[in-house]
């Protein structure tokens, strides 16, 4: 177990591109962000859902332990399948 979440290490952050719904500008949202302001029109752009560290953090499996990590990954997979 870790005394501090290794996911807080900024070197493992990923970026996703979103389109502003108001002006169409391309905006970057990093994996540790929930929202950003469009650089062109100022509109707030939100991620489609809150980021989950178990999806993007390379240390999640070690941090949570194998059994808990598998359980949470299965729950995420089930939610995604229900949305589709």
PDB file of N, CA and C in Angstrom:
ATOM      1  N   UNK A   1       0.837  -1.190   0.000  1.00  0.00           N
ATOM      2  CA  UNK A   1       0.000   0.000   0.000  1.00  0.00           C
ATOM      3  C   UNK A   1       0.881   1.253   0.000  1.00  0.00           C
ATOM      4  N   UNK A   2       0.320   2.314  -0.536  1.00  0.00           N
ATOM      5  CA  UNK A   2       1.040   3.571  -0.620  1.00  0.00           C
ATOM      6  C   UNK A   2       0.554   4.530   0.461  1.00  0.00           C
ATOM      7  N   UNK A   3       1.435   5.397   0.934  1.00  0.00           N
ATOM      8  CA  UNK A   3       1.020   6.412   1.896  1.00  0.00           C
ATOM      9  C   UNK A   3       0.436   7.624   1.173  1.00  0.00           C
ATOM     10  N   UNK A   4       0.736   7.744  -0.112  1.00  0.00           N
ATOM     11  CA  UNK A   4       0.230   8.840  -0.933  1.00  0.00           C
ATOM     12  C   UNK A   4      -0.144   8.243  -2.285  1.00  0.00           C
ATOM     13  N   UNK A   5      -1.214   8.698  -2.872  1.00  0.00           N
ATOM     14  CA  UNK A   5      -1.667   8.168  -4.158  1.00  0.00           C
ATOM     15  C   UNK A   5      -0.637   8.466  -5.241  1.00  0.00           C
ATOM     16  N   UNK A   6      -0.092   7.431  -5.871  1.00  0.00           N
ATOM     17  CA  UNK A   6       0.889   7.669  -6.933  1.00  0.00           C
ATOM     18  C   UNK A   6       0.268   8.342  -8.149  1.00  0.00           C
ATOM     19  N   UNK A   7      -1.050   8.314  -8.253  1.00  0.00           N
ATOM     20  CA  UNK A   7      -1.734   8.994  -9.351  1.00  0.00           C
ATOM     21  C   UNK A   7      -1.643  10.504  -9.270  1.00  0.00           C
ATOM     22  N   UNK A   8      -1.233  11.026  -8.141  1.00  0.00           N
ATOM     23  CA  UNK A   8      -1.059  12.467  -7.998  1.00  0.00           C
ATOM     24  C   UNK A   8       0.231  12.941  -8.640  1.00  0.00           C
ATOM     25  N   UNK A   9       1.026  12.014  -9.097  1.00  0.00           N
ATOM     26  CA  UNK A   9       2.255  12.345  -9.799  1.00  0.00           C
ATOM     27  C   UNK A   9       1.877  12.867 -11.180  1.00  0.00           C
ATOM     28  N   UNK A  10       2.180  14.111 -11.465  1.00  0.00           N
ATOM     29  CA  UNK A  10       1.776  14.769 -12.699  1.00  0.00           C
ATOM     30  C   UNK A  10       2.417  14.225 -13.957  1.00  0.00           C
ATOM     31  N   UNK A  11       3.361  13.316 -13.846  1.00  0.00           N
ATOM     32  CA  UNK A  11       4.031  12.782 -15.036  1.00  0.00           C
ATOM     33  C   UNK A  11       3.187  11.754 -15.770  1.00  0.00           C
ATOM     34  N   UNK A  12       2.112  11.250 -15.181  1.00  0.00           N
ATOM     35  CA  UNK A  12       1.280  10.214 -15.802  1.00  0.00           C
ATOM     36  C   UNK A  12      -0.050  10.758 -16.319  1.00  0.00           C
ATOM     37  N   UNK A  13      -0.196  12.052 -16.428  1.00  0.00           N
ATOM     38  CA  UNK A  13      -1.444  12.659 -16.867  1.00  0.00           C
ATOM     39  C   UNK A  13      -1.559  12.582 -18.386  1.00  0.00           C
ATOM     40  N   UNK A  14      -2.785  12.281 -18.870  1.00  0.00           N
ATOM     41  CA  UNK A  14      -3.055  12.211 -20.298  1.00  0.00           C
ATOM     42  C   UNK A  14      -3.999  13.341 -20.699  1.00  0.00           C
ATOM     43  N   UNK A  15      -4.044  13.631 -21.985  1.00  0.00           N
ATOM     44  CA  UNK A  15      -4.895  14.702 -22.489  1.00  0.00           C
ATOM     45  C   UNK A  15      -5.921  14.134 -23.469  1.00  0.00           C
ATOM     46  N   UNK A  16      -7.117  14.729 -23.451  1.00  0.00           N
ATOM     47  CA  UNK A  16      -8.168  14.395 -24.409  1.00  0.00           C
ATOM     48  C   UNK A  16      -8.614  15.680 -25.074  1.00  0.00           C
ATOM     49  N   UNK A  17      -9.026  15.591 -26.318  1.00  0.00           N
ATOM     50  CA  UNK A  17      -9.507  16.760 -27.046  1.00  0.00           C
ATOM     51  C   UNK A  17     -11.026  16.762 -27.060  1.00  0.00           C
ATOM     52  N   UNK A  18     -11.594  17.912 -26.753  1.00  0.00           N
ATOM     53  CA  UNK A  18     -13.041  18.109 -26.772  1.00  0.00           C
ATOM     54  C   UNK A  18     -13.343  19.288 -27.680  1.00  0.00           C
ATOM     55  N   UNK A  19     -14.551  19.296 -28.220  1.00  0.00           N
ATOM     56  CA  UNK A  19     -14.988  20.408 -29.050  1.00  0.00           C
ATOM     57  C   UNK A  19     -15.929  21.277 -28.217  1.00  0.00           C
ATOM     58  N   UNK A  20     -15.699  22.573 -28.220  1.00  0.00           N
ATOM     59  CA  UNK A  20     -16.563  23.488 -27.475  1.00  0.00           C
ATOM     60  C   UNK A  20     -17.958  23.453 -28.104  1.00  0.00           C
ATOM     61  N   UNK A  21     -18.993  23.224 -27.292  1.00  0.00           N
ATOM     62  CA  UNK A  21     -20.349  23.155 -27.835  1.00  0.00           C
ATOM     63  C   UNK A  21     -20.868  24.513 -28.315  1.00  0.00           C
ATOM     64  N   UNK A  22     -20.246  25.586 -27.843  1.00  0.00           N
ATOM     65  CA  UNK A  22     -20.713  26.928 -28.209  1.00  0.00           C
ATOM     66  C   UNK A  22     -20.055  27.438 -29.498  1.00  0.00           C
ATOM     67  N   UNK A  23     -18.721  27.338 -29.612  1.00  0.00           N
ATOM     68  CA  UNK A  23     -18.027  27.922 -30.763  1.00  0.00           C
ATOM     69  C   UNK A  23     -17.311  26.907 -31.645  1.00  0.00           C
ATOM     70  N   UNK A  24     -17.201  25.655 -31.184  1.00  0.00           N
ATOM     71  CA  UNK A  24     -16.565  24.618 -31.982  1.00  0.00           C
ATOM     72  C   UNK A  24     -15.055  24.544 -31.875  1.00  0.00           C
ATOM     73  N   UNK A  25     -14.449  25.375 -31.045  1.00  0.00           N
ATOM     74  CA  UNK A  25     -12.993  25.349 -30.877  1.00  0.00           C
ATOM     75  C   UNK A  25     -12.562  24.038 -30.221  1.00  0.00           C
ATOM     76  N   UNK A  26     -11.376  23.571 -30.581  1.00  0.00           N
ATOM     77  CA  UNK A  26     -10.825  22.368 -29.971  1.00  0.00           C
ATOM     78  C   UNK A  26     -10.146  22.740 -28.656  1.00  0.00           C
ATOM     79  N   UNK A  27     -10.496  22.010 -27.588  1.00  0.00           N
ATOM     80  CA  UNK A  27     -10.009  22.325 -26.252  1.00  0.00           C
ATOM     81  C   UNK A  27      -9.410  21.065 -25.634  1.00  0.00           C
ATOM     82  N   UNK A  28      -8.279  21.203 -24.956  1.00  0.00           N
ATOM     83  CA  UNK A  28      -7.643  20.086 -24.260  1.00  0.00           C
ATOM     84  C   UNK A  28      -8.164  19.996 -22.831  1.00  0.00           C
ATOM     85  N   UNK A  29      -8.505  18.782 -22.414  1.00  0.00           N
ATOM     86  CA  UNK A  29      -8.859  18.526 -21.022  1.00  0.00           C
ATOM     87  C   UNK A  29      -7.962  17.396 -20.545  1.00  0.00           C
ATOM     88  N   UNK A  30      -7.211  17.648 -19.501  1.00  0.00           N
ATOM     89  CA  UNK A  30      -6.285  16.656 -18.970  1.00  0.00           C
ATOM     90  C   UNK A  30      -7.011  15.668 -18.064  1.00  0.00           C
ATOM     91  N   UNK A  31      -6.442  14.485 -17.891  1.00  0.00           N
ATOM     92  CA  UNK A  31      -7.094  13.402 -17.155  1.00  0.00           C
ATOM     93  C   UNK A  31      -7.355  13.727 -15.689  1.00  0.00           C
ATOM     94  N   UNK A  32      -6.713  14.734 -15.154  1.00  0.00           N
ATOM     95  CA  UNK A  32      -6.963  15.115 -13.764  1.00  0.00           C
ATOM     96  C   UNK A  32      -7.905  16.313 -13.652  1.00  0.00           C
ATOM     97  N   UNK A  33      -8.492  16.746 -14.759  1.00  0.00           N
ATOM     98  CA  UNK A  33      -9.397  17.898 -14.761  1.00  0.00           C
ATOM     99  C   UNK A  33     -10.832  17.449 -15.012  1.00  0.00           C
ATOM    100  N   UNK A  34     -11.776  18.195 -14.463  1.00  0.00           N
ATOM    101  CA  UNK A  34     -13.188  17.929 -14.656  1.00  0.00           C
ATOM    102  C   UNK A  34     -13.769  18.896 -15.679  1.00  0.00           C
ATOM    103  N   UNK A  35     -13.233  20.114 -15.708  1.00  0.00           N
ATOM    104  CA  UNK A  35     -13.740  21.142 -16.618  1.00  0.00           C
ATOM    105  C   UNK A  35     -12.630  22.109 -16.984  1.00  0.00           C
ATOM    106  N   UNK A  36     -12.805  22.774 -18.107  1.00  0.00           N
ATOM    107  CA  UNK A  36     -11.898  23.836 -18.537  1.00  0.00           C
ATOM    108  C   UNK A  36     -12.718  24.920 -19.222  1.00  0.00           C
ATOM    109  N   UNK A  37     -12.138  26.089 -19.318  1.00  0.00           N
ATOM    110  CA  UNK A  37     -12.785  27.195 -20.001  1.00  0.00           C
ATOM    111  C   UNK A  37     -12.256  27.251 -21.428  1.00  0.00           C
ATOM    112  N   UNK A  38     -13.158  27.402 -22.391  1.00  0.00           N
ATOM    113  CA  UNK A  38     -12.763  27.506 -23.789  1.00  0.00           C
ATOM    114  C   UNK A  38     -11.896  28.745 -23.960  1.00  0.00           C
ATOM    115  N   UNK A  39     -10.755  28.572 -24.597  1.00  0.00           N
ATOM    116  CA  UNK A  39      -9.817  29.682 -24.800  1.00  0.00           C
ATOM    117  C   UNK A  39     -10.336  30.695 -25.809  1.00  0.00           C
ATOM    118  N   UNK A  40     -11.331  30.291 -26.604  1.00  0.00           N
ATOM    119  CA  UNK A  40     -11.854  31.174 -27.642  1.00  0.00           C
ATOM    120  C   UNK A  40     -13.064  31.994 -27.180  1.00  0.00           C
ATOM    121  N   UNK A  41     -14.054  31.327 -26.560  1.00  0.00           N
ATOM    122  CA  UNK A  41     -15.297  32.034 -26.207  1.00  0.00           C
ATOM    123  C   UNK A  41     -15.570  32.116 -24.705  1.00  0.00           C
ATOM    124  N   UNK A  42     -14.820  31.368 -23.887  1.00  0.00           N
ATOM    125  CA  UNK A  42     -15.004  31.430 -22.439  1.00  0.00           C
ATOM    126  C   UNK A  42     -16.029  30.457 -21.886  1.00  0.00           C
ATOM    127  N   UNK A  43     -16.675  29.678 -22.746  1.00  0.00           N
ATOM    128  CA  UNK A  43     -17.656  28.679 -22.305  1.00  0.00           C
ATOM    129  C   UNK A  43     -16.967  27.611 -21.450  1.00  0.00           C
ATOM    130  N   UNK A  44     -17.632  27.151 -20.381  1.00  0.00           N
ATOM    131  CA  UNK A  44     -17.090  26.063 -19.572  1.00  0.00           C
ATOM    132  C   UNK A  44     -17.393  24.744 -20.276  1.00  0.00           C
ATOM    133  N   UNK A  45     -16.368  23.908 -20.409  1.00  0.00           N
ATOM    134  CA  UNK A  45     -16.504  22.616 -21.062  1.00  0.00           C
ATOM    135  C   UNK A  45     -16.206  21.559 -20.016  1.00  0.00           C
ATOM    136  N   UNK A  46     -17.124  20.609 -19.868  1.00  0.00           N
ATOM    137  CA  UNK A  46     -17.011  19.572 -18.849  1.00  0.00           C
ATOM    138  C   UNK A  46     -16.667  18.231 -19.492  1.00  0.00           C
ATOM    139  N   UNK A  47     -15.893  17.442 -18.767  1.00  0.00           N
ATOM    140  CA  UNK A  47     -15.637  16.067 -19.212  1.00  0.00           C
ATOM    141  C   UNK A  47     -16.973  15.345 -19.256  1.00  0.00           C
ATOM    142  N   UNK A  48     -17.059  14.308 -20.038  1.00  0.00           N
ATOM    143  CA  UNK A  48     -18.297  13.553 -20.129  1.00  0.00           C
ATOM    144  C   UNK A  48     -18.636  12.881 -18.807  1.00  0.00           C
ATOM    145  N   UNK A  49     -17.637  12.584 -18.029  1.00  0.00           N
ATOM    146  CA  UNK A  49     -17.829  12.016 -16.690  1.00  0.00           C
ATOM    147  C   UNK A  49     -16.582  12.318 -15.877  1.00  0.00           C
ATOM    148  N   UNK A  50     -16.685  12.148 -14.589  1.00  0.00           N
ATOM    149  CA  UNK A  50     -15.528  12.385 -13.738  1.00  0.00           C
ATOM    150  C   UNK A  50     -14.456  11.340 -14.000  1.00  0.00           C
ATOM    151  N   UNK A  51     -13.207  11.739 -14.000  1.00  0.00           N
ATOM    152  CA  UNK A  51     -12.152  10.760 -14.227  1.00  0.00           C
ATOM    153  C   UNK A  51     -12.027   9.791 -13.053  1.00  0.00           C
ATOM    154  N   UNK A  52     -11.728   8.565 -13.375  1.00  0.00           N
ATOM    155  CA  UNK A  52     -11.505   7.562 -12.345  1.00  0.00           C
ATOM    156  C   UNK A  52     -10.051   7.135 -12.400  1.00  0.00           C
ATOM    157  N   UNK A  53      -9.366   7.230 -11.298  1.00  0.00           N
ATOM    158  CA  UNK A  53      -7.946   6.892 -11.284  1.00  0.00           C
ATOM    159  C   UNK A  53      -7.698   5.440 -11.664  1.00  0.00           C
ATOM    160  N   UNK A  54      -8.671   4.562 -11.434  1.00  0.00           N
ATOM    161  CA  UNK A  54      -8.426   3.160 -11.771  1.00  0.00           C
ATOM    162  C   UNK A  54      -8.367   2.948 -13.278  1.00  0.00           C
ATOM    163  N   UNK A  55      -8.872   3.892 -14.054  1.00  0.00           N
ATOM    164  CA  UNK A  55      -8.825   3.780 -15.508  1.00  0.00           C
ATOM    165  C   UNK A  55      -7.515   4.297 -16.085  1.00  0.00           C
ATOM    166  N   UNK A  56      -6.934   5.328 -15.483  1.00  0.00           N
ATOM    167  CA  UNK A  56      -5.753   5.941 -16.097  1.00  0.00           C
ATOM    168  C   UNK A  56      -4.469   5.817 -15.286  1.00  0.00           C
ATOM    169  N   UNK A  57      -4.559   5.491 -14.035  1.00  0.00           N
ATOM    170  CA  UNK A  57      -3.361   5.444 -13.203  1.00  0.00           C
ATOM    171  C   UNK A  57      -2.669   4.083 -13.313  1.00  0.00           C
ATOM    172  N   UNK A  58      -1.406   4.107 -13.678  1.00  0.00           N
ATOM    173  CA  UNK A  58      -0.631   2.874 -13.825  1.00  0.00           C
ATOM    174  C   UNK A  58      -0.442   2.149 -12.492  1.00  0.00           C
ATOM    175  N   UNK A  59      -0.599   2.837 -11.374  1.00  0.00           N
ATOM    176  CA  UNK A  59      -0.390   2.231 -10.056  1.00  0.00           C
ATOM    177  C   UNK A  59      -1.688   1.821  -9.373  1.00  0.00           C
ATOM    178  N   UNK A  60      -2.819   1.964 -10.040  1.00  0.00           N
ATOM    179  CA  UNK A  60      -4.114   1.683  -9.407  1.00  0.00           C
ATOM    180  C   UNK A  60      -4.212   0.261  -8.892  1.00  0.00           C
ATOM    181  N   UNK A  61      -3.739  -0.682  -9.669  1.00  0.00           N
ATOM    182  CA  UNK A  61      -3.822  -2.088  -9.273  1.00  0.00           C
ATOM    183  C   UNK A  61      -3.049  -2.334  -7.978  1.00  0.00           C
ATOM    184  N   UNK A  62      -1.860  -1.769  -7.867  1.00  0.00           N
ATOM    185  CA  UNK A  62      -1.049  -1.924  -6.652  1.00  0.00           C
ATOM    186  C   UNK A  62      -1.667  -1.151  -5.491  1.00  0.00           C
ATOM    187  N   UNK A  63      -2.167   0.017  -5.783  1.00  0.00           N
ATOM    188  CA  UNK A  63      -2.714   0.892  -4.744  1.00  0.00           C
ATOM    189  C   UNK A  63      -3.963   0.277  -4.096  1.00  0.00           C
ATOM    190  N   UNK A  64      -4.857  -0.267  -4.933  1.00  0.00           N
ATOM    191  CA  UNK A  64      -6.118  -0.812  -4.432  1.00  0.00           C
ATOM    192  C   UNK A  64      -6.027  -2.268  -4.013  1.00  0.00           C
ATOM    193  N   UNK A  65      -5.064  -2.979  -4.567  1.00  0.00           N
ATOM    194  CA  UNK A  65      -5.009  -4.424  -4.370  1.00  0.00           C
ATOM    195  C   UNK A  65      -5.748  -5.100  -5.511  1.00  0.00           C
ATOM    196  N   UNK A  66      -5.304  -6.278  -5.884  1.00  0.00           N
ATOM    197  CA  UNK A  66      -5.826  -6.976  -7.071  1.00  0.00           C
ATOM    198  C   UNK A  66      -7.335  -7.199  -7.024  1.00  0.00           C
ATOM    199  N   UNK A  67      -7.860  -7.694  -5.897  1.00  0.00           N
ATOM    200  CA  UNK A  67      -9.285  -8.027  -5.811  1.00  0.00           C
ATOM    201  C   UNK A  67     -10.162  -6.782  -5.957  1.00  0.00           C
ATOM    202  N   UNK A  68      -9.841  -5.727  -5.237  1.00  0.00           N
ATOM    203  CA  UNK A  68     -10.644  -4.491  -5.304  1.00  0.00           C
ATOM    204  C   UNK A  68     -10.527  -3.853  -6.681  1.00  0.00           C
ATOM    205  N   UNK A  69      -9.325  -3.874  -7.267  1.00  0.00           N
ATOM    206  CA  UNK A  69      -9.127  -3.300  -8.598  1.00  0.00           C
ATOM    207  C   UNK A  69      -9.998  -4.023  -9.625  1.00  0.00           C
ATOM    208  N   UNK A  70      -9.996  -5.359  -9.589  1.00  0.00           N
ATOM    209  CA  UNK A  70     -10.814  -6.138 -10.532  1.00  0.00           C
ATOM    210  C   UNK A  70     -12.300  -5.848 -10.346  1.00  0.00           C
ATOM    211  N   UNK A  71     -12.739  -5.758  -9.105  1.00  0.00           N
ATOM    212  CA  UNK A  71     -14.145  -5.468  -8.821  1.00  0.00           C
ATOM    213  C   UNK A  71     -14.554  -4.116  -9.421  1.00  0.00           C
ATOM    214  N   UNK A  72     -13.749  -3.097  -9.203  1.00  0.00           N
ATOM    215  CA  UNK A  72     -14.070  -1.767  -9.719  1.00  0.00           C
ATOM    216  C   UNK A  72     -14.001  -1.713 -11.245  1.00  0.00           C
ATOM    217  N   UNK A  73     -13.037  -2.396 -11.837  1.00  0.00           N
ATOM    218  CA  UNK A  73     -12.947  -2.436 -13.296  1.00  0.00           C
ATOM    219  C   UNK A  73     -14.168  -3.141 -13.891  1.00  0.00           C
ATOM    220  N   UNK A  74     -14.637  -4.200 -13.261  1.00  0.00           N
ATOM    221  CA  UNK A  74     -15.842  -4.895 -13.726  1.00  0.00           C
ATOM    222  C   UNK A  74     -17.067  -3.989 -13.640  1.00  0.00           C
ATOM    223  N   UNK A  75     -17.173  -3.216 -12.561  1.00  0.00           N
ATOM    224  CA  UNK A  75     -18.286  -2.282 -12.413  1.00  0.00           C
ATOM    225  C   UNK A  75     -18.248  -1.209 -13.496  1.00  0.00           C
ATOM    226  N   UNK A  76     -17.071  -0.675 -13.781  1.00  0.00           N
ATOM    227  CA  UNK A  76     -16.941   0.324 -14.837  1.00  0.00           C
ATOM    228  C   UNK A  76     -17.330  -0.252 -16.197  1.00  0.00           C
ATOM    229  N   UNK A  77     -16.884  -1.457 -16.469  1.00  0.00           N
ATOM    230  CA  UNK A  77     -17.203  -2.113 -17.729  1.00  0.00           C
ATOM    231  C   UNK A  77     -18.717  -2.303 -17.862  1.00  0.00           C
ATOM    232  N   UNK A  78     -19.369  -2.718 -16.794  1.00  0.00           N
ATOM    233  CA  UNK A  78     -20.827  -2.909 -16.805  1.00  0.00           C
ATOM    234  C   UNK A  78     -21.554  -1.601 -17.075  1.00  0.00           C
ATOM    235  N   UNK A  79     -21.112  -0.513 -16.450  1.00  0.00           N
ATOM    236  CA  UNK A  79     -21.734   0.796 -16.673  1.00  0.00           C
ATOM    237  C   UNK A  79     -21.604   1.228 -18.127  1.00  0.00           C
ATOM    238  N   UNK A  80     -20.408   1.027 -18.706  1.00  0.00           N
ATOM    239  CA  UNK A  80     -20.180   1.408 -20.106  1.00  0.00           C
ATOM    240  C   UNK A  80     -21.083   0.599 -21.035  1.00  0.00           C
ATOM    241  N   UNK A  81     -21.235  -0.686 -20.766  1.00  0.00           N
ATOM    242  CA  UNK A  81     -22.073  -1.540 -21.605  1.00  0.00           C
ATOM    243  C   UNK A  81     -23.533  -1.136 -21.517  1.00  0.00           C
ATOM    244  N   UNK A  82     -23.996  -0.716 -20.349  1.00  0.00           N
ATOM    245  CA  UNK A  82     -25.395  -0.274 -20.192  1.00  0.00           C
ATOM    246  C   UNK A  82     -25.661   1.012 -20.962  1.00  0.00           C
ATOM    247  N   UNK A  83     -24.647   1.894 -21.056  1.00  0.00           N
ATOM    248  CA  UNK A  83     -24.812   3.162 -21.778  1.00  0.00           C
ATOM    249  C   UNK A  83     -24.868   2.952 -23.286  1.00  0.00           C
ATOM    250  N   UNK A  84     -24.257   1.888 -23.778  1.00  0.00           N
ATOM    251  CA  UNK A  84     -24.185   1.661 -25.234  1.00  0.00           C
ATOM    252  C   UNK A  84     -25.417   1.051 -25.792  1.00  0.00           C
TER     253      UNK A  84
END
